Protein backbone atom coordinates (compact mmCIF):
# COMPACT_ATOMS: atom_id res chain seq x y z
CA MET A 1 -51.63 -42.58 8.58
CA SER A 2 -54.05 -40.02 7.51
CA ASP A 3 -54.47 -39.01 11.16
CA ILE A 4 -50.82 -38.11 11.66
CA LEU A 5 -49.64 -36.70 8.23
CA PHE A 6 -49.51 -32.84 8.46
CA ASP A 7 -47.79 -32.42 4.80
CA GLU A 8 -47.69 -34.83 2.06
CA ARG A 9 -44.93 -33.16 -0.18
CA LYS A 10 -42.30 -35.85 -0.73
CA ALA A 11 -39.16 -34.01 0.45
CA MET A 12 -36.21 -35.46 -1.02
CA LEU A 13 -34.13 -34.87 2.53
CA GLY A 14 -36.78 -33.10 4.94
CA GLU A 15 -34.57 -31.70 7.66
CA GLY A 16 -34.72 -28.74 10.10
CA PRO A 17 -38.09 -28.60 11.79
CA LEU A 18 -38.94 -25.30 13.52
CA TRP A 19 -42.00 -24.20 15.28
CA HIS A 20 -41.95 -20.36 15.17
CA PRO A 21 -43.29 -19.76 19.07
CA GLN A 22 -44.50 -15.93 17.83
CA ARG A 23 -45.92 -17.01 14.57
CA GLN A 24 -47.44 -20.31 15.88
CA GLN A 25 -46.22 -21.68 12.29
CA PHE A 26 -44.18 -24.83 11.37
CA PHE A 27 -41.19 -24.27 9.17
CA TRP A 28 -39.13 -27.08 7.78
CA PHE A 29 -36.70 -27.83 4.90
CA ASP A 30 -36.19 -30.07 2.11
CA ILE A 31 -32.39 -29.73 1.63
CA LEU A 32 -31.69 -31.65 -1.47
CA GLN A 33 -34.34 -29.60 -2.96
CA LYS A 34 -32.86 -26.42 -1.67
CA GLN A 35 -36.34 -25.13 -0.42
CA LEU A 36 -37.95 -23.77 3.20
CA CYS A 37 -41.56 -25.27 3.35
CA SER A 38 -44.34 -24.36 5.61
CA ARG A 39 -48.17 -24.48 5.81
CA VAL A 40 -50.80 -21.32 6.51
CA ASP A 41 -54.31 -22.22 6.78
CA GLY A 42 -53.95 -26.00 5.51
CA ASN A 43 -52.26 -24.44 2.41
CA PRO A 44 -48.45 -25.43 1.27
CA LEU A 45 -45.62 -22.70 1.15
CA SER A 46 -42.48 -22.80 0.07
CA TRP A 47 -39.42 -20.70 -0.69
CA GLN A 48 -36.62 -21.82 -3.44
CA PHE A 49 -33.08 -20.95 -2.71
CA ASP A 50 -29.87 -21.28 -4.96
CA GLU A 51 -28.03 -23.47 -2.45
CA TYR A 52 -28.69 -26.37 0.10
CA VAL A 53 -30.23 -24.78 3.27
CA SER A 54 -31.18 -26.82 6.09
CA ALA A 55 -31.78 -25.39 9.49
CA ALA A 56 -32.96 -22.22 10.97
CA GLY A 57 -33.76 -20.41 14.32
CA TRP A 58 -36.26 -17.40 14.78
CA ILE A 59 -35.12 -13.57 15.61
CA ASP A 60 -38.83 -12.03 15.44
CA GLN A 61 -41.82 -12.22 13.89
CA THR A 62 -40.85 -12.54 10.39
CA ARG A 63 -37.37 -13.06 10.27
CA LEU A 64 -35.05 -16.40 10.64
CA LEU A 65 -31.59 -17.09 10.69
CA ILE A 66 -30.76 -19.79 8.11
CA ALA A 67 -27.58 -21.85 7.27
CA SER A 68 -26.92 -22.69 3.93
CA ALA A 69 -23.96 -24.22 2.31
CA SER A 70 -21.68 -21.12 2.14
CA LYS A 71 -23.24 -18.86 5.07
CA LEU A 72 -25.58 -17.82 8.05
CA PHE A 73 -27.95 -15.32 6.53
CA THR A 74 -31.70 -13.44 7.78
CA PHE A 75 -34.60 -14.51 5.66
CA ASP A 76 -37.83 -12.77 5.96
CA VAL A 77 -40.77 -15.02 5.60
CA GLU A 78 -43.25 -12.38 4.48
CA THR A 79 -40.74 -10.00 2.07
CA GLY A 80 -38.42 -12.85 0.79
CA GLN A 81 -35.85 -10.34 1.43
CA SER A 82 -32.57 -11.84 2.70
CA VAL A 83 -29.43 -10.48 4.44
CA ASP A 84 -25.94 -12.09 4.92
CA VAL A 85 -24.67 -12.63 8.46
CA ALA A 86 -21.85 -14.49 8.57
CA PRO A 87 -19.89 -16.84 5.87
CA LEU A 88 -19.95 -21.05 6.83
CA GLU A 89 -17.28 -22.72 5.17
CA ALA A 90 -17.70 -20.79 2.15
CA GLU A 91 -14.57 -21.51 0.47
CA ASP A 92 -15.42 -25.26 0.74
CA LYS A 93 -17.27 -26.54 -2.25
CA THR A 94 -17.58 -30.00 -0.92
CA THR A 95 -19.72 -29.27 2.42
CA ARG A 96 -22.98 -27.89 3.42
CA SER A 97 -25.13 -27.27 6.23
CA ASN A 98 -27.00 -29.71 8.16
CA ASP A 99 -28.57 -29.66 11.83
CA GLY A 100 -28.84 -26.65 13.62
CA ARG A 101 -30.69 -24.96 16.49
CA ALA A 102 -30.62 -21.92 18.72
CA ASP A 103 -29.17 -22.36 22.25
CA PRO A 104 -30.72 -20.67 25.57
CA TRP A 105 -28.26 -17.37 25.05
CA GLY A 106 -29.42 -16.43 21.78
CA GLY A 107 -26.72 -18.25 20.01
CA PHE A 108 -26.93 -20.66 16.88
CA TRP A 109 -25.10 -23.97 16.37
CA ILE A 110 -24.67 -25.35 13.28
CA GLY A 111 -23.31 -28.60 11.67
CA THR A 112 -21.90 -29.24 8.35
CA MET A 113 -20.82 -32.46 6.36
CA GLY A 114 -19.55 -33.54 3.20
CA ILE A 115 -22.34 -33.13 0.32
CA LYS A 116 -21.39 -36.45 -0.29
CA ALA A 117 -21.08 -37.29 3.43
CA GLU A 118 -17.04 -37.77 2.90
CA PRO A 119 -15.68 -39.20 6.21
CA GLN A 120 -15.26 -36.32 8.64
CA ALA A 121 -15.34 -34.02 6.22
CA GLY A 122 -17.89 -31.58 8.76
CA ALA A 123 -17.83 -29.80 12.18
CA ILE A 124 -20.04 -28.10 14.43
CA TYR A 125 -19.89 -24.55 14.92
CA ARG A 126 -21.72 -21.67 16.99
CA TYR A 127 -22.72 -18.18 16.06
CA TYR A 128 -22.81 -15.76 18.98
CA GLN A 129 -22.55 -12.15 19.14
CA GLY A 130 -21.21 -11.40 15.58
CA GLU A 131 -18.92 -14.66 15.99
CA VAL A 132 -18.45 -17.83 14.14
CA ARG A 133 -16.57 -20.27 16.36
CA LEU A 134 -15.34 -23.90 15.52
CA LEU A 135 -16.46 -25.97 18.32
CA PHE A 136 -15.92 -29.53 17.18
CA PRO A 137 -14.19 -30.84 14.11
CA GLU A 138 -14.06 -33.87 12.12
CA ILE A 139 -17.69 -35.03 11.82
CA THR A 140 -18.71 -37.44 9.30
CA ILE A 141 -22.75 -36.26 9.36
CA SER A 142 -23.53 -33.63 12.14
CA ASN A 143 -26.85 -33.86 14.00
CA ALA A 144 -29.14 -34.21 17.09
CA ILE A 145 -27.97 -30.66 18.15
CA CYS A 146 -30.01 -29.61 21.20
CA PHE A 147 -30.19 -28.34 24.81
CA SER A 148 -31.17 -29.05 28.13
CA PRO A 149 -33.77 -26.87 29.90
CA ASP A 150 -31.80 -26.13 32.70
CA LYS A 151 -29.10 -24.59 30.23
CA GLN A 152 -26.40 -27.31 31.72
CA PHE A 153 -25.72 -29.18 28.80
CA ALA A 154 -25.73 -29.38 25.10
CA TYR A 155 -25.96 -32.93 22.83
CA PHE A 156 -25.13 -33.49 19.45
CA VAL A 157 -23.98 -36.73 17.23
CA ASP A 158 -21.79 -37.95 14.51
CA THR A 159 -24.57 -40.05 12.97
CA ASP A 160 -21.40 -42.37 11.25
CA VAL A 161 -20.25 -43.06 14.76
CA GLY A 162 -23.82 -43.45 16.51
CA ILE A 163 -22.83 -41.95 20.01
CA ILE A 164 -24.77 -39.16 21.09
CA GLN A 165 -22.28 -36.73 23.14
CA ARG A 166 -22.94 -34.65 26.23
CA GLN A 167 -21.26 -31.23 26.39
CA LYS A 168 -21.27 -28.91 29.68
CA LEU A 169 -21.84 -25.49 29.19
CA ARG A 170 -21.12 -22.45 30.89
CA ALA A 171 -23.97 -20.46 32.76
CA ASP A 172 -23.09 -17.39 31.80
CA THR A 173 -22.16 -17.48 27.89
CA GLY A 174 -23.25 -20.96 26.82
CA TRP A 175 -19.72 -21.77 25.62
CA PRO A 176 -18.51 -25.37 25.91
CA THR A 177 -16.60 -25.74 29.22
CA GLY A 178 -14.55 -29.15 29.36
CA ALA A 179 -14.53 -32.03 26.97
CA ALA A 180 -17.70 -33.77 25.65
CA GLU A 181 -18.58 -37.18 26.84
CA ASP A 182 -19.94 -40.09 25.44
CA TRP A 183 -23.84 -40.08 26.56
CA LEU A 184 -25.71 -42.75 24.69
CA ASP A 185 -23.91 -45.08 22.87
CA LEU A 186 -27.00 -46.04 20.03
CA GLY A 187 -24.75 -47.46 17.11
CA SER A 188 -23.93 -50.70 18.89
CA ASP A 189 -27.39 -51.28 18.71
CA GLY A 190 -27.69 -50.99 14.91
CA LEU A 191 -29.32 -47.55 15.05
CA ARG A 192 -28.33 -44.35 13.09
CA PRO A 193 -29.14 -41.47 15.38
CA ASP A 194 -30.48 -38.21 13.18
CA GLY A 195 -32.07 -35.15 14.71
CA ALA A 196 -33.14 -34.71 18.46
CA VAL A 197 -34.83 -32.12 20.57
CA ILE A 198 -35.37 -32.17 24.33
CA ASP A 199 -38.41 -31.42 26.23
CA ALA A 200 -39.61 -29.43 28.99
CA ALA A 201 -38.74 -32.17 31.53
CA GLY A 202 -35.30 -32.95 30.11
CA ASN A 203 -35.82 -35.85 27.88
CA MET A 204 -34.43 -36.07 24.61
CA TRP A 205 -36.55 -37.03 21.31
CA ASN A 206 -34.40 -38.83 18.92
CA ALA A 207 -35.28 -39.39 15.01
CA GLN A 208 -33.76 -42.58 13.87
CA TRP A 209 -32.80 -43.02 10.33
CA GLY A 210 -33.93 -46.10 9.14
CA ALA A 211 -35.91 -46.93 12.13
CA GLY A 212 -39.04 -45.24 11.15
CA ARG A 213 -39.52 -43.78 14.55
CA VAL A 214 -38.67 -40.86 17.43
CA ALA A 215 -37.34 -42.87 20.75
CA CYS A 216 -37.34 -41.07 23.90
CA TYR A 217 -34.62 -41.11 26.41
CA ASN A 218 -34.65 -39.57 29.82
CA PRO A 219 -31.51 -37.70 30.88
CA GLY A 220 -29.87 -40.82 32.17
CA GLY A 221 -29.93 -42.39 28.91
CA THR A 222 -32.96 -44.91 29.47
CA LEU A 223 -35.34 -45.61 27.35
CA LEU A 224 -38.94 -44.28 28.02
CA GLN A 225 -41.10 -44.89 24.98
CA THR A 226 -40.94 -44.84 20.78
CA VAL A 227 -43.36 -43.05 18.63
CA SER A 228 -43.45 -44.87 15.28
CA VAL A 229 -44.00 -42.90 12.34
CA PRO A 230 -44.76 -43.97 8.50
CA GLY A 231 -41.72 -42.72 6.57
CA ALA A 232 -38.91 -45.25 7.58
CA GLN A 233 -36.05 -42.50 7.15
CA SER A 234 -37.39 -40.16 10.10
CA THR A 235 -34.88 -37.40 10.31
CA CYS A 236 -35.57 -34.51 13.06
CA PRO A 237 -38.20 -34.10 15.76
CA ALA A 238 -39.80 -30.55 16.75
CA PHE A 239 -42.25 -29.62 19.40
CA GLY A 240 -45.31 -27.23 18.14
CA GLY A 241 -48.69 -26.47 18.30
CA ALA A 242 -50.48 -23.80 20.78
CA ASP A 243 -49.33 -25.90 23.84
CA ARG A 244 -46.21 -26.99 22.46
CA THR A 245 -47.44 -30.77 22.85
CA ASP A 246 -47.39 -31.94 19.26
CA LEU A 247 -44.79 -33.75 17.88
CA TYR A 248 -43.66 -33.30 14.27
CA VAL A 249 -41.55 -35.27 12.70
CA THR A 250 -39.78 -34.74 9.00
CA SER A 251 -38.81 -37.61 7.15
CA ALA A 252 -36.48 -38.13 3.72
CA ALA A 253 -37.62 -39.68 0.29
CA VAL A 254 -34.13 -40.30 -0.90
CA GLY A 255 -33.24 -43.61 -1.98
CA LEU A 256 -36.81 -44.90 -1.55
CA PRO A 257 -38.71 -43.91 -4.70
CA ASP A 258 -41.55 -46.65 -4.00
CA ASP A 259 -41.90 -45.65 -0.48
CA ALA A 260 -45.28 -43.66 -0.54
CA ALA A 261 -44.62 -42.08 3.24
CA ALA A 262 -41.07 -41.32 2.67
CA GLY A 263 -40.39 -37.69 2.46
CA GLN A 264 -43.59 -36.41 4.22
CA VAL A 265 -44.22 -34.70 7.52
CA PHE A 266 -46.38 -36.42 10.23
CA ARG A 267 -47.75 -34.49 13.54
CA ILE A 268 -48.23 -36.82 16.40
CA LYS A 269 -50.74 -35.18 18.84
CA ASN A 270 -50.19 -34.84 22.70
CA VAL A 271 -46.99 -36.49 23.06
CA ALA A 272 -45.20 -34.58 25.44
CA LYS A 273 -44.66 -30.76 26.68
CA GLY A 274 -41.76 -29.45 24.63
CA GLN A 275 -39.56 -26.46 25.63
CA ALA A 276 -40.23 -23.43 23.45
CA GLU A 277 -37.92 -22.58 20.71
CA HIS A 278 -34.88 -20.18 21.53
CA GLN A 279 -34.91 -16.97 20.09
CA VAL A 280 -31.77 -15.89 17.95
CA ILE A 281 -29.71 -12.84 19.26
CA LEU A 282 -27.93 -11.01 16.23
């Protein structure tokens, strides 16, 4: 395991992996411990918040757009300064943010869910040009938000249902057009699709909760390969490294007190060529 171990800290719920292309730095979250985490020169870093934080996109050299239980806000990783951008289900104290990712137009998609995974308590939103707009309501566990490199499609899943959805997008603005369609049914195979990312070739890499793996599917939904990780509760992958060929995978320790690998972050080198994470435009 040591050859793929990137960070040995045990996140209760590791999520939101992000490779910052300008800083050449990897970030991720421990949602349940309300922390943003990173490493620089082999040294662990963390920032503590007063509410759940779960996903981010990069704005510039030092600032991230972070989603929390009640809002979107900018956070400067060098000064620690934060500035509120927009509320996110701020009046609902039973929900929090979950999976999210910047889109090719400079927008940011973010999912929410019940803190106790209450059925259909969450939703998926898009922040774009100063507006937070509801896209998909009544979602139990929002996950797998990612975008095809040709900008034609967004993908997402309700982990509780297990069917990854594909949504056609407008070429000019990136807003959804038409209804989302069932793209890949993993629930019928007993799998629980969690976070996902799409590589430069258009293949999806999906972390599968409880399976200890990330599975790669081509645009037609055919399984191409699987990558095993020691943490059984793999939560989300991200491509990073100087040439974006390393696959980083977060995991969760919640419910697995005796699993030494649970909650750690893993890095598998030379897996595939990833897309650069898109910049958030405020």
